[in-house]
Protein backbone atom coordinates (compact mmCIF):
# COMPACT_ATOMS: atom_id res chain seq x y z
CA MET A 1 2.33 -2.42 -11.49
CA LYS A 2 5.35 -2.90 -13.70
CA LEU A 3 7.73 -5.72 -14.59
CA GLY A 4 11.46 -5.14 -14.27
CA ARG A 5 14.85 -6.75 -13.72
CA VAL A 6 17.20 -5.82 -10.88
CA ILE A 7 20.43 -4.64 -12.50
CA GLY A 8 22.21 -3.21 -9.48
CA ARG A 9 22.09 -1.87 -5.96
CA VAL A 10 22.63 1.63 -4.59
CA TRP A 11 24.29 2.32 -1.24
CA ALA A 12 23.45 5.57 0.54
CA THR A 13 25.43 6.80 3.54
CA ALA A 14 22.54 9.02 4.56
CA LYS A 15 18.85 8.33 4.01
CA ASP A 16 15.49 8.91 5.64
CA ALA A 17 15.12 7.02 8.93
CA SER A 18 12.16 5.04 7.56
CA LEU A 19 14.48 3.52 4.93
CA GLU A 20 17.36 2.58 7.26
CA SER A 21 16.92 -1.20 6.95
CA ARG A 22 15.83 -1.19 3.28
CA LYS A 23 17.87 -1.93 0.15
CA ILE A 24 17.68 0.50 -2.74
CA LEU A 25 17.76 -1.34 -6.06
CA LEU A 26 18.41 -0.23 -9.62
CA VAL A 27 15.63 -1.72 -11.77
CA ARG A 28 15.32 -1.76 -15.57
CA PRO A 29 11.75 -2.07 -16.88
CA THR A 30 11.08 -5.11 -19.04
CA ALA A 31 8.45 -6.31 -21.48
CA PRO A 32 6.61 -9.53 -20.55
CA ASP A 33 9.09 -11.51 -22.69
CA GLY A 34 11.98 -10.18 -20.56
CA THR A 35 13.49 -7.71 -23.04
CA ALA A 36 14.53 -4.29 -21.74
CA ALA A 37 11.79 -1.69 -22.15
CA GLY A 38 13.04 1.66 -20.87
CA GLU A 39 15.45 3.53 -18.64
CA ALA A 40 16.48 2.16 -15.25
CA TYR A 41 15.11 3.68 -12.04
CA LEU A 42 15.54 3.31 -8.27
CA ALA A 43 13.14 1.27 -6.16
CA VAL A 44 13.10 0.33 -2.48
CA ASP A 45 13.12 -3.45 -1.91
CA ALA A 46 10.29 -4.87 0.20
CA VAL A 47 10.79 -8.57 -0.63
CA GLY A 48 14.52 -9.41 -0.61
CA ALA A 49 15.11 -9.29 -4.37
CA GLY A 50 18.62 -9.75 -5.70
CA SER A 51 20.66 -8.86 -8.75
CA GLY A 52 19.35 -10.36 -12.00
CA GLU A 53 15.91 -11.26 -10.66
CA ARG A 54 12.72 -10.30 -12.47
CA VAL A 55 10.52 -8.27 -10.15
CA LEU A 56 7.09 -6.73 -9.81
CA VAL A 57 7.18 -3.01 -8.97
CA VAL A 58 4.56 -0.52 -7.78
CA ASP A 59 5.17 3.09 -8.74
CA GLU A 60 2.70 5.12 -6.70
CA GLY A 61 3.12 6.66 -3.26
CA GLY A 62 0.02 5.21 -1.59
CA SER A 63 0.80 1.65 -2.68
CA ALA A 64 4.44 2.15 -1.70
CA GLY A 65 3.38 3.14 1.79
CA ILE A 66 1.16 0.08 2.16
CA ALA A 67 3.94 -2.23 0.92
CA LEU A 68 6.43 -0.76 3.41
CA GLY A 69 3.97 -0.32 6.28
CA ALA A 70 4.63 3.43 6.33
CA VAL A 71 2.04 6.21 6.52
CA GLU A 72 3.88 8.79 4.41
CA PRO A 73 6.96 7.18 2.88
CA PRO A 74 9.56 9.45 1.26
CA ILE A 75 9.50 7.22 -1.84
CA ARG A 76 7.01 6.13 -4.49
CA THR A 77 8.60 3.09 -6.16
CA VAL A 78 8.82 -0.27 -4.36
CA VAL A 79 9.71 -3.82 -5.41
CA VAL A 80 6.76 -5.88 -4.10
CA GLY A 81 7.33 -9.28 -5.73
CA ILE A 82 9.83 -11.63 -7.34
CA VAL A 83 8.51 -13.01 -10.63
CA ASP A 84 8.84 -16.76 -11.24
CA SER A 85 7.29 -16.75 -14.72
CA VAL A 86 5.04 -14.79 -17.05
CA ASP A 87 2.31 -16.61 -18.99
CA MET A 88 0.86 -14.65 -21.91
CA THR A 89 -1.69 -17.31 -22.88
CA VAL A 90 -5.04 -15.74 -23.80
CA ARG A 91 -7.96 -17.65 -22.35
């Protein structure tokens, strides 16, 4: 899983039928402290995330399918959580 921040949304006039009711988000990876940590990528939204929110992303086809309830999804990257906070305290 990866941390990221939603920086935009992508509209597609044509997409696979299994994605018809899903938003496609533009996500920039972040370090735990919230700073940008790489190039932005596309991810299908499974949780109702919005612009500016920190999110938890899975980037693997099998996990993507489970998150979307699809057997063989045509995607591999899915937003699966909205992050409230990150605690880096070592216990």
